[in-house]
Amino acid sequence: MTKTPQIADRAPKAVEVEAGKTYSWCACGKSAKQPFCDGSHKGSEFTPMKYTAEKTGTAYFCMCKHSGTQPLCDGSHSKV
């Protein structure tokens, strides 16, 4: 059985990130701190995905949880 994440939103979330800093992206869609993990996945098959920013600036994190370039948005939200 394939695990299906909960869709948190149907648009990406713009976040200011710092080069070299690691972020924990919510993969289950249940976190109250979207797009980042708050531990809501506990007891499920999901685990957060680590993302280390390559440069300081704006990153567009996937909120539909179906991106092929997770944790960043690839436009998949237009198809879910």
N, C-alpha and C. Protein backbone atom coordinates (compact mmCIF):
# COMPACT_ATOMS: atom_id res chain seq x y z
N MET A 1 0.84 -1.18 0.00
CA MET A 1 0.00 0.00 0.00
C MET A 1 0.89 1.25 0.00
N THR A 2 0.60 2.16 -0.88
CA THR A 2 1.37 3.40 -0.98
C THR A 2 0.86 4.42 0.02
N LYS A 3 1.76 5.02 0.72
CA LYS A 3 1.36 6.05 1.67
C LYS A 3 1.03 7.33 0.91
N THR A 4 -0.05 7.97 1.28
CA THR A 4 -0.49 9.21 0.64
C THR A 4 -0.46 10.33 1.67
N PRO A 5 0.33 11.36 1.40
CA PRO A 5 0.39 12.47 2.35
C PRO A 5 -0.86 13.34 2.29
N GLN A 6 -1.11 14.03 3.36
CA GLN A 6 -2.21 15.00 3.42
C GLN A 6 -1.75 16.27 2.69
N ILE A 7 -2.62 16.82 1.86
CA ILE A 7 -2.29 18.07 1.15
C ILE A 7 -2.45 19.22 2.13
N ALA A 8 -1.36 19.94 2.39
CA ALA A 8 -1.40 21.06 3.34
C ALA A 8 -1.91 22.33 2.66
N ASP A 9 -1.61 22.47 1.36
CA ASP A 9 -2.04 23.64 0.58
C ASP A 9 -1.82 23.32 -0.89
N ARG A 10 -2.43 24.07 -1.77
CA ARG A 10 -2.28 23.85 -3.21
C ARG A 10 -1.45 24.95 -3.86
N ALA A 11 -0.51 25.48 -3.10
CA ALA A 11 0.44 26.48 -3.58
C ALA A 11 1.71 26.35 -2.76
N PRO A 12 2.86 26.67 -3.33
CA PRO A 12 4.10 26.57 -2.56
C PRO A 12 4.17 27.63 -1.46
N LYS A 13 5.05 27.39 -0.51
CA LYS A 13 5.27 28.34 0.60
C LYS A 13 6.66 28.94 0.43
N ALA A 14 6.70 30.26 0.27
CA ALA A 14 7.98 30.96 0.14
C ALA A 14 8.59 31.15 1.53
N VAL A 15 9.83 30.72 1.68
CA VAL A 15 10.52 30.81 2.97
C VAL A 15 11.92 31.38 2.72
N GLU A 16 12.31 32.33 3.56
CA GLU A 16 13.68 32.85 3.50
C GLU A 16 14.59 31.85 4.22
N VAL A 17 15.56 31.31 3.49
CA VAL A 17 16.48 30.32 4.04
C VAL A 17 17.89 30.89 4.09
N GLU A 18 18.72 30.28 4.94
CA GLU A 18 20.12 30.69 5.10
C GLU A 18 21.04 29.63 4.55
N ALA A 19 22.02 30.03 3.78
CA ALA A 19 23.00 29.09 3.22
C ALA A 19 23.63 28.25 4.32
N GLY A 20 23.68 26.94 4.10
CA GLY A 20 24.30 26.02 5.06
C GLY A 20 23.39 25.56 6.18
N LYS A 21 22.25 26.19 6.36
CA LYS A 21 21.33 25.80 7.42
C LYS A 21 20.46 24.63 6.94
N THR A 22 20.19 23.69 7.84
CA THR A 22 19.37 22.53 7.51
C THR A 22 17.97 22.70 8.08
N TYR A 23 16.99 22.36 7.26
CA TYR A 23 15.57 22.47 7.61
C TYR A 23 14.92 21.09 7.51
N SER A 24 13.92 20.82 8.33
CA SER A 24 13.20 19.55 8.29
C SER A 24 11.82 19.78 7.68
N TRP A 25 11.67 19.40 6.41
CA TRP A 25 10.43 19.59 5.66
C TRP A 25 9.42 18.52 6.04
N CYS A 26 8.20 18.93 6.29
CA CYS A 26 7.11 18.02 6.63
C CYS A 26 6.71 17.24 5.38
N ALA A 27 6.79 15.91 5.43
CA ALA A 27 6.42 15.06 4.30
C ALA A 27 5.01 14.50 4.44
N CYS A 28 4.45 14.51 5.66
CA CYS A 28 3.13 13.91 5.88
C CYS A 28 1.99 14.88 5.61
N GLY A 29 2.25 16.19 5.73
CA GLY A 29 1.23 17.20 5.50
C GLY A 29 0.42 17.57 6.74
N LYS A 30 0.73 16.96 7.87
CA LYS A 30 -0.07 17.18 9.09
C LYS A 30 0.50 18.22 10.05
N SER A 31 1.71 18.67 9.81
CA SER A 31 2.36 19.62 10.72
C SER A 31 1.60 20.94 10.80
N ALA A 32 1.53 21.49 12.00
CA ALA A 32 0.92 22.81 12.20
C ALA A 32 1.93 23.91 11.88
N LYS A 33 3.19 23.53 11.66
CA LYS A 33 4.26 24.50 11.37
C LYS A 33 4.71 24.41 9.91
N GLN A 34 3.80 24.18 9.00
CA GLN A 34 4.10 24.04 7.57
C GLN A 34 4.97 25.18 7.06
N PRO A 35 5.93 24.89 6.23
CA PRO A 35 6.19 23.62 5.57
C PRO A 35 7.12 22.70 6.36
N PHE A 36 7.40 23.05 7.62
CA PHE A 36 8.36 22.28 8.40
C PHE A 36 7.70 21.33 9.38
N CYS A 37 8.46 20.34 9.80
CA CYS A 37 7.98 19.27 10.68
C CYS A 37 7.78 19.74 12.12
N ASP A 38 6.70 19.27 12.73
CA ASP A 38 6.47 19.51 14.16
C ASP A 38 6.29 18.20 14.91
N GLY A 39 6.57 17.07 14.24
CA GLY A 39 6.46 15.75 14.87
C GLY A 39 5.11 15.09 14.68
N SER A 40 4.20 15.70 13.93
CA SER A 40 2.86 15.14 13.73
C SER A 40 2.88 13.80 13.00
N HIS A 41 3.97 13.46 12.34
CA HIS A 41 4.07 12.20 11.60
C HIS A 41 4.26 11.00 12.51
N LYS A 42 4.58 11.21 13.76
CA LYS A 42 4.89 10.11 14.67
C LYS A 42 3.78 9.06 14.65
N GLY A 43 4.18 7.80 14.52
CA GLY A 43 3.23 6.70 14.45
C GLY A 43 2.75 6.41 13.04
N SER A 44 3.27 7.15 12.05
CA SER A 44 2.90 6.92 10.66
C SER A 44 4.13 6.42 9.88
N GLU A 45 3.95 6.17 8.61
CA GLU A 45 5.06 5.72 7.76
C GLU A 45 5.93 6.87 7.28
N PHE A 46 5.55 8.11 7.58
CA PHE A 46 6.25 9.28 7.08
C PHE A 46 7.39 9.70 8.00
N THR A 47 8.41 10.28 7.38
CA THR A 47 9.50 10.91 8.13
C THR A 47 9.82 12.23 7.43
N PRO A 48 10.26 13.23 8.19
CA PRO A 48 10.58 14.51 7.57
C PRO A 48 11.79 14.38 6.65
N MET A 49 11.89 15.28 5.70
CA MET A 49 13.02 15.29 4.76
C MET A 49 13.93 16.46 5.13
N LYS A 50 15.22 16.15 5.25
CA LYS A 50 16.21 17.19 5.54
C LYS A 50 16.53 17.96 4.26
N TYR A 51 16.60 19.28 4.41
CA TYR A 51 16.95 20.16 3.29
C TYR A 51 18.00 21.14 3.79
N THR A 52 19.15 21.17 3.13
CA THR A 52 20.20 22.12 3.48
C THR A 52 20.27 23.16 2.36
N ALA A 53 20.06 24.40 2.73
CA ALA A 53 20.06 25.49 1.76
C ALA A 53 21.45 25.69 1.17
N GLU A 54 21.51 25.75 -0.15
CA GLU A 54 22.79 25.97 -0.83
C GLU A 54 23.16 27.45 -0.83
N LYS A 55 22.13 28.31 -0.82
CA LYS A 55 22.38 29.75 -0.79
C LYS A 55 21.30 30.45 0.02
N THR A 56 21.61 31.63 0.51
CA THR A 56 20.66 32.43 1.25
C THR A 56 19.69 33.08 0.27
N GLY A 57 18.42 33.02 0.59
CA GLY A 57 17.41 33.60 -0.29
C GLY A 57 16.06 32.95 -0.09
N THR A 58 15.19 33.09 -1.06
CA THR A 58 13.84 32.53 -0.99
C THR A 58 13.81 31.15 -1.61
N ALA A 59 13.26 30.19 -0.86
CA ALA A 59 13.04 28.83 -1.37
C ALA A 59 11.53 28.60 -1.37
N TYR A 60 11.04 27.92 -2.37
CA TYR A 60 9.61 27.65 -2.49
C TYR A 60 9.36 26.18 -2.16
N PHE A 61 8.89 25.95 -0.93
CA PHE A 61 8.67 24.60 -0.44
C PHE A 61 7.31 24.06 -0.88
N CYS A 62 7.31 22.78 -1.26
CA CYS A 62 6.10 22.09 -1.68
C CYS A 62 5.14 21.97 -0.50
N MET A 63 3.88 22.33 -0.72
CA MET A 63 2.86 22.21 0.32
C MET A 63 1.83 21.12 -0.02
N CYS A 64 1.79 20.72 -1.30
CA CYS A 64 0.83 19.66 -1.68
C CYS A 64 1.40 18.29 -1.35
N LYS A 65 2.71 18.23 -1.11
CA LYS A 65 3.44 17.01 -0.73
C LYS A 65 3.54 15.99 -1.87
N HIS A 66 3.33 16.41 -3.11
CA HIS A 66 3.40 15.52 -4.27
C HIS A 66 4.47 15.92 -5.28
N SER A 67 5.32 16.86 -4.94
CA SER A 67 6.36 17.34 -5.86
C SER A 67 7.37 16.25 -6.20
N GLY A 68 7.82 16.24 -7.43
CA GLY A 68 8.87 15.32 -7.84
C GLY A 68 10.25 15.83 -7.44
N THR A 69 10.32 17.06 -6.95
CA THR A 69 11.59 17.66 -6.53
C THR A 69 11.53 18.02 -5.04
N GLN A 70 10.88 17.17 -4.25
CA GLN A 70 10.74 17.43 -2.82
C GLN A 70 12.08 17.73 -2.18
N PRO A 71 12.15 18.67 -1.29
CA PRO A 71 11.03 19.36 -0.66
C PRO A 71 10.58 20.62 -1.38
N LEU A 72 11.21 20.92 -2.52
CA LEU A 72 10.87 22.14 -3.23
C LEU A 72 9.74 21.89 -4.24
N CYS A 73 9.01 22.93 -4.55
CA CYS A 73 7.86 22.86 -5.45
C CYS A 73 8.29 22.66 -6.90
N ASP A 74 7.55 21.81 -7.61
CA ASP A 74 7.78 21.63 -9.05
C ASP A 74 6.50 21.89 -9.86
N GLY A 75 5.48 22.43 -9.19
CA GLY A 75 4.22 22.74 -9.87
C GLY A 75 3.20 21.62 -9.81
N SER A 76 3.52 20.53 -9.12
CA SER A 76 2.59 19.39 -9.03
C SER A 76 1.26 19.76 -8.40
N HIS A 77 1.22 20.83 -7.60
CA HIS A 77 -0.02 21.22 -6.93
C HIS A 77 -1.13 21.56 -7.95
N SER A 78 -0.75 21.86 -9.18
CA SER A 78 -1.76 22.16 -10.19
C SER A 78 -2.45 20.91 -10.72
N LYS A 79 -1.92 19.74 -10.34
CA LYS A 79 -2.48 18.47 -10.82
C LYS A 79 -3.12 17.62 -9.73
N VAL A 80 -3.04 18.06 -8.48
CA VAL A 80 -3.62 17.25 -7.38
C VAL A 80 -4.92 17.86 -6.88
